[in-house]
Every structure is written in structure tokens, then in C-alpha cells.
C-alpha atoms as a PDB file:
ATOM      1  CA  UNK A   1      -7.852  15.401 -16.030  1.00  0.00           C
ATOM      2  CA  UNK A   2      -5.745  14.998 -12.893  1.00  0.00           C
ATOM      3  CA  UNK A   3      -2.447  13.162 -13.115  1.00  0.00           C
ATOM      4  CA  UNK A   4      -2.472   9.600 -11.749  1.00  0.00           C
ATOM      5  CA  UNK A   5      -1.831   9.036  -8.053  1.00  0.00           C
ATOM      6  CA  UNK A   6       0.315   6.010  -8.959  1.00  0.00           C
ATOM      7  CA  UNK A   7       1.915   5.229 -12.283  1.00  0.00           C
ATOM      8  CA  UNK A   8       4.201   2.388 -13.344  1.00  0.00           C
ATOM      9  CA  UNK A   9       6.026   2.657 -16.659  1.00  0.00           C
ATOM     10  CA  UNK A  10       7.773  -0.392 -18.090  1.00  0.00           C
ATOM     11  CA  UNK A  11       8.677  -1.852 -14.676  1.00  0.00           C
ATOM     12  CA  UNK A  12      11.075  -4.766 -15.151  1.00  0.00           C
ATOM     13  CA  UNK A  13      12.655  -6.748 -12.321  1.00  0.00           C
ATOM     14  CA  UNK A  14      15.336  -9.424 -12.212  1.00  0.00           C
ATOM     15  CA  UNK A  15      16.524 -11.640  -9.376  1.00  0.00           C
ATOM     16  CA  UNK A  16      20.200 -12.588  -9.600  1.00  0.00           C
ATOM     17  CA  UNK A  17      20.701 -15.335  -7.033  1.00  0.00           C
ATOM     18  CA  UNK A  18      21.999 -17.841  -7.997  1.00  0.00           C
ATOM     19  CA  UNK A  19      21.206 -17.138 -11.682  1.00  0.00           C
ATOM     20  CA  UNK A  20      19.578 -14.137 -13.404  1.00  0.00           C
ATOM     21  CA  UNK A  21      15.797 -14.620 -13.671  1.00  0.00           C
ATOM     22  CA  UNK A  22      13.347 -12.055 -15.011  1.00  0.00           C
ATOM     23  CA  UNK A  23      10.389 -11.768 -12.646  1.00  0.00           C
ATOM     24  CA  UNK A  24       8.535  -8.762 -14.110  1.00  0.00           C
ATOM     25  CA  UNK A  25       8.568  -7.620 -17.732  1.00  0.00           C
ATOM     26  CA  UNK A  26       7.554  -4.102 -18.759  1.00  0.00           C
ATOM     27  CA  UNK A  27       4.587  -3.652 -16.391  1.00  0.00           C
ATOM     28  CA  UNK A  28       2.765  -0.395 -17.118  1.00  0.00           C
ATOM     29  CA  UNK A  29      -0.452   1.000 -15.627  1.00  0.00           C
ATOM     30  CA  UNK A  30      -1.784   3.998 -13.749  1.00  0.00           C
ATOM     31  CA  UNK A  31      -4.274   4.466 -10.931  1.00  0.00           C
ATOM     32  CA  UNK A  32      -6.277   7.565 -10.171  1.00  0.00           C
ATOM     33  CA  UNK A  33      -6.719   8.786  -6.613  1.00  0.00           C
ATOM     34  CA  UNK A  34      -9.443   6.723  -4.941  1.00  0.00           C
ATOM     35  CA  UNK A  35      -9.336   3.998  -7.595  1.00  0.00           C
ATOM     36  CA  UNK A  36      -9.067   0.364  -6.512  1.00  0.00           C
ATOM     37  CA  UNK A  37      -7.168  -2.360  -8.336  1.00  0.00           C
ATOM     38  CA  UNK A  38      -6.353  -6.001  -7.668  1.00  0.00           C
ATOM     39  CA  UNK A  39      -3.196  -7.875  -8.521  1.00  0.00           C
ATOM     40  CA  UNK A  40      -4.004 -11.510  -9.195  1.00  0.00           C
ATOM     41  CA  UNK A  41      -2.059 -14.462 -10.504  1.00  0.00           C
ATOM     42  CA  UNK A  42      -0.526 -17.806  -9.700  1.00  0.00           C
ATOM     43  CA  UNK A  43       1.875 -18.294  -6.840  1.00  0.00           C
ATOM     44  CA  UNK A  44       5.349 -17.123  -7.807  1.00  0.00           C
ATOM     45  CA  UNK A  45       4.283 -14.957 -10.767  1.00  0.00           C
ATOM     46  CA  UNK A  46       5.615 -11.695  -9.254  1.00  0.00           C
ATOM     47  CA  UNK A  47       2.606 -10.145  -7.464  1.00  0.00           C
ATOM     48  CA  UNK A  48       4.448  -9.507  -4.192  1.00  0.00           C
ATOM     49  CA  UNK A  49       7.535  -8.326  -6.050  1.00  0.00           C
ATOM     50  CA  UNK A  50       5.445  -5.763  -7.923  1.00  0.00           C
ATOM     51  CA  UNK A  51       3.787  -4.574  -4.709  1.00  0.00           C
ATOM     52  CA  UNK A  52       7.164  -4.135  -3.011  1.00  0.00           C
ATOM     53  CA  UNK A  53       8.288  -1.973  -5.935  1.00  0.00           C
ATOM     54  CA  UNK A  54       5.050   0.043  -5.912  1.00  0.00           C
ATOM     55  CA  UNK A  55       5.416   0.601  -2.172  1.00  0.00           C
ATOM     56  CA  UNK A  56       8.992   1.913  -2.708  1.00  0.00           C
ATOM     57  CA  UNK A  57      10.370  -0.851  -0.475  1.00  0.00           C
ATOM     58  CA  UNK A  58      12.256  -2.405  -3.427  1.00  0.00           C
ATOM     59  CA  UNK A  59      14.284   0.045  -5.484  1.00  0.00           C
ATOM     60  CA  UNK A  60      16.288  -2.415  -7.623  1.00  0.00           C
ATOM     61  CA  UNK A  61      14.195  -2.397 -10.803  1.00  0.00           C
ATOM     62  CA  UNK A  62      14.195  -0.989 -14.310  1.00  0.00           C
ATOM     63  CA  UNK A  63      11.503   1.422 -15.470  1.00  0.00           C
ATOM     64  CA  UNK A  64       9.775   4.361 -13.846  1.00  0.00           C
ATOM     65  CA  UNK A  65       7.568   4.602 -10.769  1.00  0.00           C
ATOM     66  CA  UNK A  66       5.708   7.846 -10.162  1.00  0.00           C
ATOM     67  CA  UNK A  67       3.679   8.713  -7.079  1.00  0.00           C
ATOM     68  CA  UNK A  68       1.678  11.918  -7.385  1.00  0.00           C
ATOM     69  CA  UNK A  69       3.639  12.580 -10.599  1.00  0.00           C
ATOM     70  CA  UNK A  70       6.995  12.479  -8.740  1.00  0.00           C
ATOM     71  CA  UNK A  71       9.580   9.928  -9.885  1.00  0.00           C
ATOM     72  CA  UNK A  72      10.729   7.618  -7.088  1.00  0.00           C
ATOM     73  CA  UNK A  73      13.777   6.063  -8.770  1.00  0.00           C
ATOM     74  CA  UNK A  74      16.492   8.427  -7.551  1.00  0.00           C
ATOM     75  CA  UNK A  75      15.144   9.199  -4.094  1.00  0.00           C
ATOM     76  CA  UNK A  76      17.213   8.448  -1.000  1.00  0.00           C
ATOM     77  CA  UNK A  77      15.874   6.070   1.656  1.00  0.00           C
ATOM     78  CA  UNK A  78      14.825   8.895   4.004  1.00  0.00           C
ATOM     79  CA  UNK A  79      12.746  10.471   1.215  1.00  0.00           C
ATOM     80  CA  UNK A  80      11.184   7.097   0.365  1.00  0.00           C
ATOM     81  CA  UNK A  81      10.322   6.542   4.041  1.00  0.00           C
ATOM     82  CA  UNK A  82       8.484   9.878   4.024  1.00  0.00           C
ATOM     83  CA  UNK A  83       6.611   8.888   0.853  1.00  0.00           C
ATOM     84  CA  UNK A  84       5.609   5.560   2.449  1.00  0.00           C
ATOM     85  CA  UNK A  85       4.446   7.371   5.561  1.00  0.00           C
ATOM     86  CA  UNK A  86       2.432  10.037   3.750  1.00  0.00           C
ATOM     87  CA  UNK A  87       1.405   8.599   0.372  1.00  0.00           C
ATOM     88  CA  UNK A  88       1.290   4.789   0.338  1.00  0.00           C
ATOM     89  CA  UNK A  89      -0.923   2.358   2.222  1.00  0.00           C
ATOM     90  CA  UNK A  90       0.405  -1.172   2.261  1.00  0.00           C
ATOM     91  CA  UNK A  91      -1.153  -4.189   4.004  1.00  0.00           C
ATOM     92  CA  UNK A  92       0.941  -7.329   4.048  1.00  0.00           C
ATOM     93  CA  UNK A  93      -0.633 -10.713   3.344  1.00  0.00           C
ATOM     94  CA  UNK A  94       0.135 -11.712   6.926  1.00  0.00           C
ATOM     95  CA  UNK A  95      -0.696  -8.507   8.733  1.00  0.00           C
ATOM     96  CA  UNK A  96      -0.946  -8.057  12.450  1.00  0.00           C
ATOM     97  CA  UNK A  97      -3.743  -5.983  13.889  1.00  0.00           C
ATOM     98  CA  UNK A  98      -3.388  -4.995  17.518  1.00  0.00           C
ATOM     99  CA  UNK A  99      -6.070  -6.867  19.466  1.00  0.00           C
ATOM    100  CA  UNK A 100      -6.074  -4.360  22.336  1.00  0.00           C
ATOM    101  CA  UNK A 101      -7.460  -1.667  19.999  1.00  0.00           C
ATOM    102  CA  UNK A 102     -10.657  -1.429  17.991  1.00  0.00           C
ATOM    103  CA  UNK A 103     -10.642  -1.808  14.221  1.00  0.00           C
ATOM    104  CA  UNK A 104     -11.068   1.958  13.929  1.00  0.00           C
ATOM    105  CA  UNK A 105      -8.105   2.657  16.195  1.00  0.00           C
ATOM    106  CA  UNK A 106      -5.929   0.178  14.249  1.00  0.00           C
ATOM    107  CA  UNK A 107      -6.696   2.168  11.096  1.00  0.00           C
ATOM    108  CA  UNK A 108      -5.990   5.443  12.914  1.00  0.00           C
ATOM    109  CA  UNK A 109      -2.554   4.460  14.269  1.00  0.00           C
ATOM    110  CA  UNK A 110      -0.444   5.375  11.194  1.00  0.00           C
ATOM    111  CA  UNK A 111      -2.128   8.789  11.005  1.00  0.00           C
ATOM    112  CA  UNK A 112      -1.499   9.394  14.683  1.00  0.00           C
ATOM    113  CA  UNK A 113       2.155   8.523  14.225  1.00  0.00           C
ATOM    114  CA  UNK A 114       2.387  10.932  11.289  1.00  0.00           C
ATOM    115  CA  UNK A 115       1.083  13.723  13.536  1.00  0.00           C
ATOM    116  CA  UNK A 116      -0.132  15.842  10.629  1.00  0.00           C
ATOM    117  CA  UNK A 117      -3.825  16.020  11.591  1.00  0.00           C
ATOM    118  CA  UNK A 118      -5.888  16.333  14.754  1.00  0.00           C
ATOM    119  CA  UNK A 119      -7.160  13.135  16.374  1.00  0.00           C
ATOM    120  CA  UNK A 120     -10.710  14.081  15.330  1.00  0.00           C
ATOM    121  CA  UNK A 121      -9.604  14.478  11.684  1.00  0.00           C
ATOM    122  CA  UNK A 122      -7.687  11.181  11.772  1.00  0.00           C
ATOM    123  CA  UNK A 123     -10.725   9.399  13.223  1.00  0.00           C
ATOM    124  CA  UNK A 124     -12.983  10.878  10.544  1.00  0.00           C
ATOM    125  CA  UNK A 125     -10.590   9.884   7.760  1.00  0.00           C
ATOM    126  CA  UNK A 126     -10.155   6.369   9.175  1.00  0.00           C
ATOM    127  CA  UNK A 127     -13.914   5.885   9.422  1.00  0.00           C
ATOM    128  CA  UNK A 128     -14.284   7.005   5.787  1.00  0.00           C
ATOM    129  CA  UNK A 129     -11.758   4.345   4.758  1.00  0.00           C
ATOM    130  CA  UNK A 130     -13.766   1.699   6.625  1.00  0.00           C
ATOM    131  CA  UNK A 131     -16.898   2.915   4.798  1.00  0.00           C
ATOM    132  CA  UNK A 132     -15.131   2.570   1.447  1.00  0.00           C
ATOM    133  CA  UNK A 133     -14.369  -1.053   2.365  1.00  0.00           C
ATOM    134  CA  UNK A 134     -17.934  -1.628   3.548  1.00  0.00           C
ATOM    135  CA  UNK A 135     -16.890  -2.537   7.095  1.00  0.00           C
ATOM    136  CA  UNK A 136     -17.815   0.644   8.976  1.00  0.00           C
ATOM    137  CA  UNK A 137     -20.173  -1.482  11.091  1.00  0.00           C
ATOM    138  CA  UNK A 138     -17.126  -3.277  12.479  1.00  0.00           C
ATOM    139  CA  UNK A 139     -15.355  -0.057  13.532  1.00  0.00           C
ATOM    140  CA  UNK A 140     -15.777  -0.534  17.284  1.00  0.00           C
ATOM    141  CA  UNK A 141     -15.028  -4.256  17.337  1.00  0.00           C
ATOM    142  CA  UNK A 142     -11.679  -5.697  18.290  1.00  0.00           C
ATOM    143  CA  UNK A 143      -9.817  -7.553  15.508  1.00  0.00           C
ATOM    144  CA  UNK A 144     -10.336 -10.945  17.172  1.00  0.00           C
ATOM    145  CA  UNK A 145     -14.115 -10.364  16.924  1.00  0.00           C
ATOM    146  CA  UNK A 146     -14.022 -10.232  13.114  1.00  0.00           C
ATOM    147  CA  UNK A 147     -14.524 -13.156  10.770  1.00  0.00           C
ATOM    148  CA  UNK A 148     -11.418 -14.270   8.855  1.00  0.00           C
ATOM    149  CA  UNK A 149     -12.554 -12.559   5.644  1.00  0.00           C
ATOM    150  CA  UNK A 150     -13.110  -9.242   7.397  1.00  0.00           C
ATOM    151  CA  UNK A 151      -9.882  -9.565   9.381  1.00  0.00           C
ATOM    152  CA  UNK A 152      -7.971  -9.713   6.100  1.00  0.00           C
ATOM    153  CA  UNK A 153     -10.070  -7.090   4.286  1.00  0.00           C
END
């Protein structure tokens, strides 16, 4: 069996301003490549905090985060930026799609910036991601042409 693409082991997080408050307590799980998961819960329960840790944007936590079986805890910011660019996809709750581009092109932009694949390969990969989400029929529309649910998909 392949090792998980993402693994959290006993992730614990505290906020210390103005008093010490535990936000996450010993969160552990793993996700295989291509697997989908949802993080649900009441407002303020720590969902966004967990996602920031999983995305390597928050490094002040206890526990272990592994991406492709590599521990992220001791990496420098430049290394984490590379991991975010190559390994992690992260869509904020209030995201901003560029209305001058199609949905497909919006999905392609990070890959183009990475410069690791040809434009044809990036387009093919982006289209496959839209198919996974069931919105490949929207690929050539502009973001403002999508319904609210699809715009936040």
C-alpha cells in the first residue's frame, strides 16, 4: 500500500493572546492521493486553523505533519513555499477567481506559474480536476457566469 499523501499525527494547537487557549487537540488522520475529505463543524471550532496547518501556512503547532511521507515541522519557509507550490492545493473560503479568464484558465494559472509542464499538459491536468469536481461543462465559462454554488466549488 502506498504511503499517505497527507498525514496528521496528534496535531495540537494553542492560541496565546491574551490567554492560552487550546484550539486543536491531538488531531490524527491520513489521506491517500486522490482521496477527498471534508472538514465540518461549528463556527470557531478550529476548521480554518487546521487547514492553515495542513497547508503549511501555520507552523506553530505540536504534533507531526507529513506530506508525501516528508515531515514538514523543521522545514524553512522557502522549502514550505516550494511544498505549497508543488504539493498542496488550497482554496480560501473567500477566494477570488479572475473574471477575465475562463474557469479552465483560472485552474491552469498555478501550474503555469510553476513552469514544470507544457501548457498542453497543464490544460489536460486542469480539465481532469474539473471532471473530478463534476464541473467540466463549465470549463469555458467565465467565473461570473457560474451559479454561486459552482463559483465556490
